Amino acid sequence: MTMEIGGLILNFGTLGFVVAFAYISARATEKYRKSNPPKSSLSRDGIEERLQQARVTVK
């Protein structure tokens, strides 16, 4: 009986940790997306963005 209770406590503790970590991760990702981060230099629009910035700097 006590082993079953201990197992339930550990399972809910682990599940609670996973849910909390997922929530925190989702909030951090949402905050990062809203901050308008620079695009990857490997993407087509990221390269165009960097080239445009370079052209403005040179002029």
Protein backbone atom coordinates (compact mmCIF):
# COMPACT_ATOMS: atom_id res chain seq x y z
CA MET A 1 0.00 0.00 0.00
CA THR A 2 2.70 2.50 0.91
CA MET A 3 4.65 1.62 -2.26
CA GLU A 4 1.57 2.41 -4.35
CA ILE A 5 1.15 5.77 -2.63
CA GLY A 6 4.83 6.52 -3.06
CA GLY A 7 4.59 5.65 -6.75
CA LEU A 8 1.58 7.93 -7.19
CA ILE A 9 3.35 10.80 -5.48
CA LEU A 10 6.41 10.35 -7.69
CA ASN A 11 4.29 10.11 -10.83
CA PHE A 12 2.32 13.24 -10.08
CA GLY A 13 5.49 15.04 -9.03
CA THR A 14 7.16 14.14 -12.30
CA LEU A 15 4.07 15.01 -14.31
CA GLY A 16 3.78 18.33 -12.50
CA PHE A 17 7.41 19.13 -13.26
CA VAL A 18 6.96 18.30 -16.95
CA VAL A 19 3.83 20.45 -17.20
CA ALA A 20 5.52 23.38 -15.43
CA PHE A 21 8.62 23.10 -17.62
CA ALA A 22 6.51 22.96 -20.80
CA TYR A 23 4.54 26.04 -19.71
CA ILE A 24 7.69 28.02 -18.92
CA SER A 25 9.27 26.97 -22.22
CA ALA A 26 6.19 27.99 -24.20
CA ARG A 27 6.09 31.40 -22.50
CA ALA A 28 9.79 31.99 -23.20
CA THR A 29 9.33 31.02 -26.86
CA GLU A 30 6.33 33.33 -27.22
CA LYS A 31 8.26 36.21 -25.64
CA TYR A 32 11.20 35.60 -28.00
CA ARG A 33 8.95 35.57 -31.08
CA LYS A 34 7.29 38.85 -30.07
CA SER A 35 10.68 40.54 -29.63
CA ASN A 36 11.21 40.36 -33.43
CA PRO A 37 14.57 38.53 -33.33
CA PRO A 38 16.92 38.59 -36.33
CA LYS A 39 16.22 35.92 -38.91
CA SER A 40 18.63 33.09 -39.56
CA SER A 41 21.38 33.90 -42.02
CA LEU A 42 20.66 30.54 -43.66
CA SER A 43 17.12 31.48 -44.67
CA ARG A 44 16.40 33.29 -47.93
CA ASP A 45 14.70 36.27 -46.29
CA GLY A 46 17.40 36.38 -43.60
CA ILE A 47 20.10 36.74 -46.25
CA GLU A 48 18.08 39.45 -48.03
CA GLU A 49 17.61 41.29 -44.73
CA ARG A 50 21.35 41.25 -44.00
CA LEU A 51 22.24 42.35 -47.55
CA GLN A 52 19.78 45.22 -47.31
CA GLN A 53 21.33 46.32 -44.01
CA ALA A 54 24.79 46.13 -45.59
CA ARG A 55 23.66 48.27 -48.54
CA VAL A 56 22.23 50.92 -46.22
CA THR A 57 25.45 50.95 -44.18
CA VAL A 58 27.63 51.38 -47.30
CA LYS A 59 25.58 54.27 -48.72
